[in-house]
Amino acid sequence: MLGEEGTERLKGLAFSMIAHVLYDLPPLAIIRGVSEELVVLLAIASTGAMLLIPLMAKESVRHILVTINRQEEEEEEVISLP
């Protein structure tokens, strides 16, 4: 999902969300004996998390690159001091 662009990323994300909601949550809910409302709440929460993960990963990479660039600039300044 993270390596794709545009609609391919969206298709992968949609497939993952649907698979999770349809195949993972109901059996877990039955085993635990939880209500339908809780299953719906879990589905909404997990879908929200899956939508946010690619955005958080992208932002994390951006922060890492900024930090690396700053460190390289600081090292260059130290090396160039007379």
N, C-alpha and C. Protein backbone atom coordinates (compact mmCIF):
# COMPACT_ATOMS: atom_id res chain seq x y z
N MET A 1 0.81 -1.19 0.00
CA MET A 1 0.00 0.00 0.00
C MET A 1 0.86 1.25 0.00
N LEU A 2 1.90 1.27 0.81
CA LEU A 2 2.69 2.48 0.92
C LEU A 2 3.54 2.74 -0.32
N GLY A 3 3.84 1.70 -1.09
CA GLY A 3 4.68 1.88 -2.26
C GLY A 3 3.92 2.31 -3.50
N GLU A 4 2.62 2.20 -3.47
CA GLU A 4 1.81 2.54 -4.64
C GLU A 4 1.45 4.02 -4.64
N GLU A 5 0.90 4.46 -5.75
CA GLU A 5 0.47 5.85 -5.89
C GLU A 5 -1.01 5.90 -6.28
N GLY A 6 -1.68 6.97 -5.93
CA GLY A 6 -3.03 7.27 -6.39
C GLY A 6 -4.05 6.18 -6.16
N THR A 7 -4.73 5.80 -7.25
CA THR A 7 -5.85 4.86 -7.13
C THR A 7 -5.39 3.46 -6.72
N GLU A 8 -4.17 3.08 -7.07
CA GLU A 8 -3.68 1.75 -6.66
C GLU A 8 -3.56 1.68 -5.14
N ARG A 9 -3.09 2.75 -4.52
CA ARG A 9 -3.00 2.78 -3.06
C ARG A 9 -4.40 2.73 -2.47
N LEU A 10 -5.32 3.48 -3.05
CA LEU A 10 -6.69 3.50 -2.55
C LEU A 10 -7.34 2.12 -2.68
N LYS A 11 -7.11 1.44 -3.79
CA LYS A 11 -7.67 0.09 -3.98
C LYS A 11 -7.12 -0.88 -2.93
N GLY A 12 -5.84 -0.82 -2.68
CA GLY A 12 -5.24 -1.70 -1.67
C GLY A 12 -5.76 -1.41 -0.28
N LEU A 13 -5.91 -0.14 0.03
CA LEU A 13 -6.43 0.26 1.33
C LEU A 13 -7.88 -0.18 1.49
N ALA A 14 -8.68 0.03 0.45
CA ALA A 14 -10.09 -0.38 0.51
C ALA A 14 -10.22 -1.89 0.69
N PHE A 15 -9.41 -2.65 -0.05
CA PHE A 15 -9.44 -4.10 0.09
C PHE A 15 -9.08 -4.51 1.51
N SER A 16 -8.06 -3.91 2.08
CA SER A 16 -7.65 -4.25 3.44
C SER A 16 -8.74 -3.93 4.45
N MET A 17 -9.38 -2.79 4.30
CA MET A 17 -10.44 -2.40 5.23
C MET A 17 -11.62 -3.36 5.14
N ILE A 18 -12.03 -3.66 3.92
CA ILE A 18 -13.18 -4.56 3.73
C ILE A 18 -12.86 -5.95 4.28
N ALA A 19 -11.67 -6.44 3.99
CA ALA A 19 -11.27 -7.76 4.49
C ALA A 19 -11.25 -7.78 6.01
N HIS A 20 -10.73 -6.74 6.61
CA HIS A 20 -10.66 -6.68 8.06
C HIS A 20 -12.06 -6.65 8.67
N VAL A 21 -12.91 -5.80 8.14
CA VAL A 21 -14.26 -5.66 8.70
C VAL A 21 -15.08 -6.93 8.50
N LEU A 22 -14.97 -7.55 7.33
CA LEU A 22 -15.81 -8.72 7.04
C LEU A 22 -15.27 -10.02 7.62
N TYR A 23 -13.96 -10.17 7.65
CA TYR A 23 -13.39 -11.47 8.01
C TYR A 23 -12.79 -11.53 9.41
N ASP A 24 -12.30 -10.43 9.91
CA ASP A 24 -11.63 -10.46 11.21
C ASP A 24 -12.56 -10.11 12.37
N LEU A 25 -13.31 -9.04 12.23
CA LEU A 25 -14.10 -8.57 13.36
C LEU A 25 -15.27 -9.47 13.76
N PRO A 26 -16.11 -9.93 12.84
CA PRO A 26 -17.25 -10.75 13.29
C PRO A 26 -16.86 -12.00 14.07
N PRO A 27 -15.89 -12.81 13.60
CA PRO A 27 -15.53 -13.97 14.41
C PRO A 27 -15.01 -13.60 15.80
N LEU A 28 -14.23 -12.54 15.85
CA LEU A 28 -13.73 -12.11 17.16
C LEU A 28 -14.87 -11.66 18.05
N ALA A 29 -15.84 -10.97 17.47
CA ALA A 29 -16.99 -10.52 18.25
C ALA A 29 -17.82 -11.69 18.75
N ILE A 30 -17.99 -12.71 17.91
CA ILE A 30 -18.76 -13.88 18.32
C ILE A 30 -18.05 -14.62 19.45
N ILE A 31 -16.75 -14.78 19.31
CA ILE A 31 -15.97 -15.48 20.34
C ILE A 31 -16.07 -14.74 21.66
N ARG A 32 -15.96 -13.43 21.59
CA ARG A 32 -16.01 -12.62 22.82
C ARG A 32 -17.44 -12.37 23.30
N GLY A 33 -18.42 -12.59 22.43
CA GLY A 33 -19.80 -12.36 22.82
C GLY A 33 -20.16 -10.89 22.93
N VAL A 34 -19.59 -10.06 22.09
CA VAL A 34 -19.87 -8.62 22.16
C VAL A 34 -21.08 -8.27 21.31
N SER A 35 -21.61 -7.09 21.54
CA SER A 35 -22.81 -6.66 20.83
C SER A 35 -22.50 -6.20 19.41
N GLU A 36 -23.55 -6.09 18.61
CA GLU A 36 -23.40 -5.60 17.24
C GLU A 36 -22.88 -4.17 17.22
N GLU A 37 -23.33 -3.38 18.19
CA GLU A 37 -22.88 -1.98 18.26
C GLU A 37 -21.38 -1.90 18.45
N LEU A 38 -20.84 -2.77 19.26
CA LEU A 38 -19.40 -2.76 19.49
C LEU A 38 -18.65 -3.20 18.23
N VAL A 39 -19.20 -4.15 17.50
CA VAL A 39 -18.57 -4.58 16.24
C VAL A 39 -18.52 -3.41 15.27
N VAL A 40 -19.62 -2.67 15.17
CA VAL A 40 -19.66 -1.50 14.28
C VAL A 40 -18.65 -0.45 14.75
N LEU A 41 -18.59 -0.21 16.04
CA LEU A 41 -17.64 0.76 16.58
C LEU A 41 -16.20 0.33 16.29
N LEU A 42 -15.90 -0.94 16.46
CA LEU A 42 -14.56 -1.44 16.15
C LEU A 42 -14.25 -1.30 14.67
N ALA A 43 -15.24 -1.56 13.82
CA ALA A 43 -15.04 -1.42 12.38
C ALA A 43 -14.73 0.02 12.01
N ILE A 44 -15.45 0.95 12.59
CA ILE A 44 -15.21 2.37 12.32
C ILE A 44 -13.83 2.78 12.82
N ALA A 45 -13.49 2.36 14.03
CA ALA A 45 -12.18 2.72 14.58
C ALA A 45 -11.03 2.14 13.77
N SER A 46 -11.16 0.88 13.37
CA SER A 46 -10.07 0.27 12.61
C SER A 46 -9.97 0.87 11.22
N THR A 47 -11.10 1.22 10.61
CA THR A 47 -11.08 1.87 9.30
C THR A 47 -10.41 3.23 9.40
N GLY A 48 -10.75 3.98 10.43
CA GLY A 48 -10.11 5.28 10.64
C GLY A 48 -8.61 5.15 10.82
N ALA A 49 -8.20 4.17 11.59
CA ALA A 49 -6.77 3.96 11.80
C ALA A 49 -6.07 3.58 10.50
N MET A 50 -6.71 2.72 9.71
CA MET A 50 -6.09 2.30 8.45
C MET A 50 -6.00 3.46 7.46
N LEU A 51 -6.92 4.39 7.53
CA LEU A 51 -6.85 5.56 6.66
C LEU A 51 -5.74 6.51 7.10
N LEU A 52 -5.49 6.58 8.40
CA LEU A 52 -4.49 7.50 8.92
C LEU A 52 -3.06 6.97 8.81
N ILE A 53 -2.87 5.67 8.82
CA ILE A 53 -1.52 5.10 8.83
C ILE A 53 -0.67 5.56 7.66
N PRO A 54 -1.15 5.52 6.41
CA PRO A 54 -0.29 6.01 5.31
C PRO A 54 0.06 7.49 5.45
N LEU A 55 -0.88 8.29 5.93
CA LEU A 55 -0.60 9.71 6.13
C LEU A 55 0.44 9.92 7.22
N MET A 56 0.33 9.17 8.30
CA MET A 56 1.30 9.29 9.39
C MET A 56 2.67 8.82 8.94
N ALA A 57 2.73 7.76 8.15
CA ALA A 57 4.01 7.27 7.65
C ALA A 57 4.67 8.30 6.75
N LYS A 58 3.90 8.91 5.89
CA LYS A 58 4.44 9.93 4.99
C LYS A 58 4.98 11.12 5.79
N GLU A 59 4.23 11.55 6.79
CA GLU A 59 4.67 12.68 7.62
C GLU A 59 5.91 12.31 8.43
N SER A 60 5.99 11.09 8.91
CA SER A 60 7.17 10.64 9.65
C SER A 60 8.41 10.66 8.78
N VAL A 61 8.28 10.20 7.55
CA VAL A 61 9.41 10.21 6.62
C VAL A 61 9.86 11.64 6.36
N ARG A 62 8.90 12.54 6.21
CA ARG A 62 9.24 13.95 5.98
C ARG A 62 10.04 14.51 7.16
N HIS A 63 9.60 14.23 8.37
CA HIS A 63 10.31 14.71 9.56
C HIS A 63 11.71 14.12 9.65
N ILE A 64 11.84 12.86 9.32
CA ILE A 64 13.15 12.21 9.36
C ILE A 64 14.09 12.86 8.35
N LEU A 65 13.61 13.12 7.15
CA LEU A 65 14.45 13.74 6.12
C LEU A 65 14.87 15.15 6.52
N VAL A 66 13.97 15.91 7.13
CA VAL A 66 14.32 17.25 7.60
C VAL A 66 15.40 17.16 8.67
N THR A 67 15.27 16.23 9.59
CA THR A 67 16.27 16.05 10.65
C THR A 67 17.62 15.66 10.07
N ILE A 68 17.63 14.76 9.12
CA ILE A 68 18.89 14.33 8.50
C ILE A 68 19.55 15.50 7.79
N ASN A 69 18.76 16.30 7.06
CA ASN A 69 19.32 17.45 6.36
C ASN A 69 19.92 18.46 7.33
N ARG A 70 19.25 18.70 8.45
CA ARG A 70 19.77 19.63 9.46
C ARG A 70 21.09 19.13 10.03
N GLN A 71 21.15 17.84 10.33
CA GLN A 71 22.38 17.28 10.89
C GLN A 71 23.52 17.37 9.89
N GLU A 72 23.25 17.12 8.63
CA GLU A 72 24.29 17.22 7.61
C GLU A 72 24.77 18.66 7.47
N GLU A 73 23.86 19.62 7.53
CA GLU A 73 24.24 21.03 7.45
C GLU A 73 25.10 21.42 8.64
N GLU A 74 24.73 20.96 9.84
CA GLU A 74 25.51 21.27 11.03
C GLU A 74 26.91 20.66 10.94
N GLU A 75 27.01 19.44 10.43
CA GLU A 75 28.31 18.80 10.28
C GLU A 75 29.17 19.56 9.27
N GLU A 76 28.58 20.04 8.20
CA GLU A 76 29.32 20.81 7.20
C GLU A 76 29.82 22.12 7.79
N GLU A 77 29.01 22.75 8.65
CA GLU A 77 29.43 24.00 9.29
C GLU A 77 30.60 23.76 10.22
N VAL A 78 30.56 22.68 10.98
CA VAL A 78 31.65 22.36 11.91
C VAL A 78 32.93 22.07 11.14
N ILE A 79 32.83 21.35 10.06
CA ILE A 79 34.01 21.00 9.25
C ILE A 79 34.61 22.24 8.61
N SER A 80 33.79 23.20 8.20
CA SER A 80 34.29 24.38 7.49
C SER A 80 34.80 25.47 8.42
N LEU A 81 34.69 25.31 9.73
CA LEU A 81 35.22 26.33 10.64
C LEU A 81 36.74 26.36 10.56
N PRO A 82 37.33 27.61 10.59
CA PRO A 82 38.81 27.70 10.49
C PRO A 82 39.53 27.21 11.72
